[in-house]
Amino acid sequence: MKLSVDRQEQLINSLVRRLSGWGLSAPSIALLETHKPLSFVASQTLLAFQPLVTLVLGDVPLEEYASLLEHRSSVERIICRLEQSQRDPSALE
C-alpha cells in the first residue's frame, strides 16, 4: 500500500500524540532506534497481530501503520517527531 505524504504525516502525528499522551515517548524512541534495521519485519508482525492490537487499541488503521513502518525513513521521521515532542510538548497541537 502506497501512502501519500500527507497521509504519512497524519499517521505520524497521530502516533506521536498517542505515545506522548501515554508518557511513552522515551521508551518508544529506544524501541524504534533498536529495531530500525528490522522495520519491515516489525510492520509484518503488526499485521499478524492485527486482531489482538485492534482489540486493545480500538479501531486504528493498522494496514496504513504497517505500510508506514516498512520504510526506515518513516521510522526515522517518527523518532525525530517523538524527540521534538519531548523538547516542546506544545508542538503536538
N, C-alpha and C. Protein backbone atom coordinates (compact mmCIF):
# COMPACT_ATOMS: atom_id res chain seq x y z
N MET A 1 0.85 -1.18 0.00
CA MET A 1 0.00 0.00 0.00
C MET A 1 0.90 1.24 0.00
N LYS A 2 0.68 2.10 -0.95
CA LYS A 2 1.45 3.34 -1.05
C LYS A 2 0.65 4.47 -0.41
N LEU A 3 1.27 5.12 0.56
CA LEU A 3 0.62 6.22 1.27
C LEU A 3 1.11 7.56 0.73
N SER A 4 0.20 8.51 0.62
CA SER A 4 0.60 9.85 0.21
C SER A 4 1.41 10.49 1.35
N VAL A 5 2.16 11.51 1.01
CA VAL A 5 2.97 12.21 2.01
C VAL A 5 2.07 12.82 3.08
N ASP A 6 0.94 13.37 2.67
CA ASP A 6 0.00 13.96 3.64
C ASP A 6 -0.52 12.91 4.61
N ARG A 7 -0.87 11.75 4.07
CA ARG A 7 -1.39 10.67 4.93
C ARG A 7 -0.31 10.17 5.88
N GLN A 8 0.93 10.08 5.40
CA GLN A 8 2.04 9.68 6.26
C GLN A 8 2.19 10.65 7.43
N GLU A 9 2.11 11.93 7.13
CA GLU A 9 2.23 12.95 8.18
C GLU A 9 1.09 12.83 9.18
N GLN A 10 -0.12 12.59 8.70
CA GLN A 10 -1.27 12.42 9.59
C GLN A 10 -1.05 11.23 10.53
N LEU A 11 -0.58 10.11 9.97
CA LEU A 11 -0.34 8.92 10.79
C LEU A 11 0.76 9.16 11.81
N ILE A 12 1.83 9.79 11.38
CA ILE A 12 2.94 10.07 12.30
C ILE A 12 2.48 11.00 13.42
N ASN A 13 1.76 12.05 13.08
CA ASN A 13 1.26 12.97 14.11
C ASN A 13 0.33 12.27 15.08
N SER A 14 -0.54 11.43 14.57
CA SER A 14 -1.47 10.68 15.43
C SER A 14 -0.71 9.75 16.37
N LEU A 15 0.26 9.04 15.82
CA LEU A 15 1.05 8.10 16.63
C LEU A 15 1.83 8.84 17.71
N VAL A 16 2.46 9.94 17.34
CA VAL A 16 3.25 10.71 18.31
C VAL A 16 2.35 11.27 19.41
N ARG A 17 1.18 11.77 19.05
CA ARG A 17 0.25 12.29 20.07
C ARG A 17 -0.17 11.18 21.04
N ARG A 18 -0.48 10.00 20.51
CA ARG A 18 -0.88 8.89 21.38
C ARG A 18 0.24 8.49 22.33
N LEU A 19 1.42 8.27 21.77
CA LEU A 19 2.55 7.82 22.58
C LEU A 19 2.94 8.87 23.62
N SER A 20 2.95 10.12 23.22
CA SER A 20 3.28 11.20 24.17
C SER A 20 2.21 11.32 25.25
N GLY A 21 0.96 11.18 24.86
CA GLY A 21 -0.14 11.24 25.82
C GLY A 21 -0.07 10.14 26.86
N TRP A 22 0.43 8.99 26.45
CA TRP A 22 0.57 7.87 27.37
C TRP A 22 1.89 7.90 28.14
N GLY A 23 2.73 8.92 27.85
CA GLY A 23 4.02 9.02 28.53
C GLY A 23 5.03 8.00 28.03
N LEU A 24 4.90 7.57 26.79
CA LEU A 24 5.77 6.52 26.25
C LEU A 24 6.74 7.03 25.19
N SER A 25 7.02 8.31 25.18
CA SER A 25 7.93 8.84 24.16
C SER A 25 9.32 8.23 24.27
N ALA A 26 9.91 8.29 25.44
CA ALA A 26 11.28 7.78 25.61
C ALA A 26 11.38 6.28 25.33
N PRO A 27 10.49 5.44 25.90
CA PRO A 27 10.58 4.02 25.57
C PRO A 27 10.34 3.74 24.08
N SER A 28 9.48 4.53 23.46
CA SER A 28 9.20 4.34 22.03
C SER A 28 10.43 4.68 21.19
N ILE A 29 11.11 5.76 21.55
CA ILE A 29 12.33 6.14 20.83
C ILE A 29 13.36 5.02 20.96
N ALA A 30 13.56 4.51 22.16
CA ALA A 30 14.53 3.44 22.37
C ALA A 30 14.16 2.20 21.55
N LEU A 31 12.89 1.83 21.56
CA LEU A 31 12.44 0.66 20.82
C LEU A 31 12.62 0.85 19.31
N LEU A 32 12.24 2.02 18.81
CA LEU A 32 12.37 2.28 17.38
C LEU A 32 13.83 2.34 16.94
N GLU A 33 14.68 2.97 17.75
CA GLU A 33 16.11 3.03 17.41
C GLU A 33 16.71 1.64 17.38
N THR A 34 16.35 0.81 18.34
CA THR A 34 16.89 -0.53 18.43
C THR A 34 16.45 -1.41 17.27
N HIS A 35 15.20 -1.26 16.89
CA HIS A 35 14.63 -2.15 15.88
C HIS A 35 14.53 -1.52 14.49
N LYS A 36 15.17 -0.39 14.29
CA LYS A 36 15.11 0.28 12.99
C LYS A 36 15.55 -0.64 11.85
N PRO A 37 16.62 -1.43 12.01
CA PRO A 37 17.01 -2.33 10.91
C PRO A 37 15.95 -3.40 10.60
N LEU A 38 15.08 -3.66 11.53
CA LEU A 38 14.05 -4.69 11.35
C LEU A 38 12.68 -4.08 11.11
N SER A 39 12.64 -2.87 10.59
CA SER A 39 11.36 -2.17 10.46
C SER A 39 10.38 -2.93 9.56
N PHE A 40 10.87 -3.56 8.51
CA PHE A 40 9.96 -4.30 7.63
C PHE A 40 9.36 -5.50 8.37
N VAL A 41 10.19 -6.22 9.11
CA VAL A 41 9.70 -7.37 9.88
C VAL A 41 8.69 -6.90 10.93
N ALA A 42 8.97 -5.78 11.56
CA ALA A 42 8.05 -5.24 12.56
C ALA A 42 6.71 -4.89 11.93
N SER A 43 6.74 -4.33 10.73
CA SER A 43 5.48 -3.97 10.07
C SER A 43 4.66 -5.21 9.76
N GLN A 44 5.32 -6.28 9.36
CA GLN A 44 4.60 -7.52 9.05
C GLN A 44 4.08 -8.18 10.33
N THR A 45 4.83 -8.06 11.41
CA THR A 45 4.38 -8.59 12.70
C THR A 45 3.14 -7.85 13.18
N LEU A 46 3.11 -6.56 12.94
CA LEU A 46 1.94 -5.76 13.29
C LEU A 46 0.70 -6.29 12.57
N LEU A 47 0.86 -6.63 11.32
CA LEU A 47 -0.27 -7.20 10.57
C LEU A 47 -0.68 -8.56 11.11
N ALA A 48 0.29 -9.37 11.52
CA ALA A 48 -0.02 -10.69 12.05
C ALA A 48 -0.80 -10.60 13.36
N PHE A 49 -0.50 -9.59 14.17
CA PHE A 49 -1.18 -9.42 15.45
C PHE A 49 -2.33 -8.43 15.37
N GLN A 50 -2.78 -8.13 14.18
CA GLN A 50 -3.83 -7.15 13.98
C GLN A 50 -5.08 -7.40 14.83
N PRO A 51 -5.59 -8.62 14.91
CA PRO A 51 -6.80 -8.82 15.74
C PRO A 51 -6.58 -8.44 17.21
N LEU A 52 -5.44 -8.81 17.76
CA LEU A 52 -5.15 -8.50 19.16
C LEU A 52 -4.95 -7.00 19.36
N VAL A 53 -4.20 -6.38 18.46
CA VAL A 53 -3.95 -4.95 18.58
C VAL A 53 -5.25 -4.15 18.46
N THR A 54 -6.10 -4.55 17.54
CA THR A 54 -7.38 -3.88 17.36
C THR A 54 -8.24 -4.03 18.61
N LEU A 55 -8.17 -5.18 19.23
CA LEU A 55 -8.92 -5.41 20.47
C LEU A 55 -8.46 -4.48 21.58
N VAL A 56 -7.15 -4.25 21.67
CA VAL A 56 -6.60 -3.42 22.73
C VAL A 56 -6.72 -1.93 22.42
N LEU A 57 -6.38 -1.53 21.19
CA LEU A 57 -6.32 -0.11 20.84
C LEU A 57 -7.59 0.43 20.19
N GLY A 58 -8.47 -0.44 19.81
CA GLY A 58 -9.68 0.00 19.11
C GLY A 58 -9.44 0.07 17.62
N ASP A 59 -10.28 0.81 16.96
CA ASP A 59 -10.24 0.89 15.50
C ASP A 59 -9.14 1.85 15.04
N VAL A 60 -7.99 1.29 14.72
CA VAL A 60 -6.88 2.08 14.19
C VAL A 60 -6.50 1.50 12.82
N PRO A 61 -6.02 2.32 11.91
CA PRO A 61 -5.69 1.84 10.56
C PRO A 61 -4.35 1.09 10.52
N LEU A 62 -4.36 -0.15 11.00
CA LEU A 62 -3.11 -0.90 11.13
C LEU A 62 -2.42 -1.15 9.79
N GLU A 63 -3.18 -1.36 8.73
CA GLU A 63 -2.57 -1.58 7.42
C GLU A 63 -1.74 -0.36 7.02
N GLU A 64 -2.26 0.81 7.32
CA GLU A 64 -1.53 2.04 6.98
C GLU A 64 -0.30 2.21 7.86
N TYR A 65 -0.44 1.91 9.15
CA TYR A 65 0.72 1.98 10.04
C TYR A 65 1.78 0.97 9.62
N ALA A 66 1.36 -0.23 9.23
CA ALA A 66 2.31 -1.24 8.77
C ALA A 66 3.04 -0.76 7.52
N SER A 67 2.31 -0.14 6.62
CA SER A 67 2.92 0.41 5.41
C SER A 67 3.92 1.51 5.76
N LEU A 68 3.57 2.32 6.73
CA LEU A 68 4.45 3.39 7.19
C LEU A 68 5.75 2.83 7.78
N LEU A 69 5.62 1.78 8.58
CA LEU A 69 6.78 1.21 9.28
C LEU A 69 7.68 0.37 8.37
N GLU A 70 7.23 0.08 7.17
CA GLU A 70 8.04 -0.71 6.24
C GLU A 70 9.32 0.02 5.84
N HIS A 71 9.31 1.33 5.93
CA HIS A 71 10.43 2.13 5.43
C HIS A 71 11.19 2.77 6.58
N ARG A 72 12.50 2.60 6.55
CA ARG A 72 13.34 3.16 7.61
C ARG A 72 13.23 4.68 7.70
N SER A 73 13.04 5.31 6.56
CA SER A 73 12.94 6.78 6.58
C SER A 73 11.72 7.23 7.38
N SER A 74 10.63 6.47 7.30
CA SER A 74 9.44 6.81 8.08
C SER A 74 9.70 6.59 9.56
N VAL A 75 10.41 5.52 9.89
CA VAL A 75 10.74 5.25 11.29
C VAL A 75 11.60 6.38 11.84
N GLU A 76 12.54 6.85 11.03
CA GLU A 76 13.39 7.97 11.46
C GLU A 76 12.57 9.23 11.67
N ARG A 77 11.58 9.47 10.82
CA ARG A 77 10.71 10.64 10.99
C ARG A 77 9.89 10.53 12.28
N ILE A 78 9.43 9.34 12.61
CA ILE A 78 8.69 9.13 13.86
C ILE A 78 9.60 9.43 15.06
N ILE A 79 10.82 8.92 15.00
CA ILE A 79 11.77 9.15 16.09
C ILE A 79 12.03 10.65 16.26
N CYS A 80 12.28 11.33 15.16
CA CYS A 80 12.54 12.78 15.23
C CYS A 80 11.35 13.53 15.81
N ARG A 81 10.16 13.14 15.40
CA ARG A 81 8.95 13.81 15.90
C ARG A 81 8.76 13.52 17.39
N LEU A 82 9.06 12.30 17.84
CA LEU A 82 8.96 11.98 19.27
C LEU A 82 9.97 12.80 20.08
N GLU A 83 11.18 12.91 19.55
CA GLU A 83 12.20 13.71 20.24
C GLU A 83 11.77 15.17 20.31
N GLN A 84 11.21 15.67 19.24
CA GLN A 84 10.72 17.05 19.22
C GLN A 84 9.60 17.25 20.24
N SER A 85 8.72 16.26 20.35
CA SER A 85 7.61 16.38 21.31
C SER A 85 8.11 16.36 22.75
N GLN A 86 9.24 15.70 23.00
CA GLN A 86 9.81 15.72 24.34
C GLN A 86 10.40 17.08 24.66
N ARG A 87 11.03 17.71 23.67
CA ARG A 87 11.63 19.03 23.89
C ARG A 87 10.57 20.12 23.99
N ASP A 88 9.52 19.99 23.16
CA ASP A 88 8.50 21.03 23.08
C ASP A 88 7.11 20.38 22.99
N PRO A 89 6.49 20.09 24.14
CA PRO A 89 5.18 19.43 24.12
C PRO A 89 4.10 20.21 23.38
N SER A 90 4.26 21.52 23.26
CA SER A 90 3.25 22.31 22.54
C SER A 90 3.30 22.05 21.04
N ALA A 91 4.35 21.39 20.55
CA ALA A 91 4.46 21.09 19.12
C ALA A 91 3.47 20.02 18.69
N LEU A 92 2.85 19.35 19.64
CA LEU A 92 1.89 18.29 19.32
C LEU A 92 0.56 18.84 18.82
N GLU A 93 0.29 20.06 19.08
CA GLU A 93 -1.01 20.63 18.73
C GLU A 93 -1.11 21.09 17.32
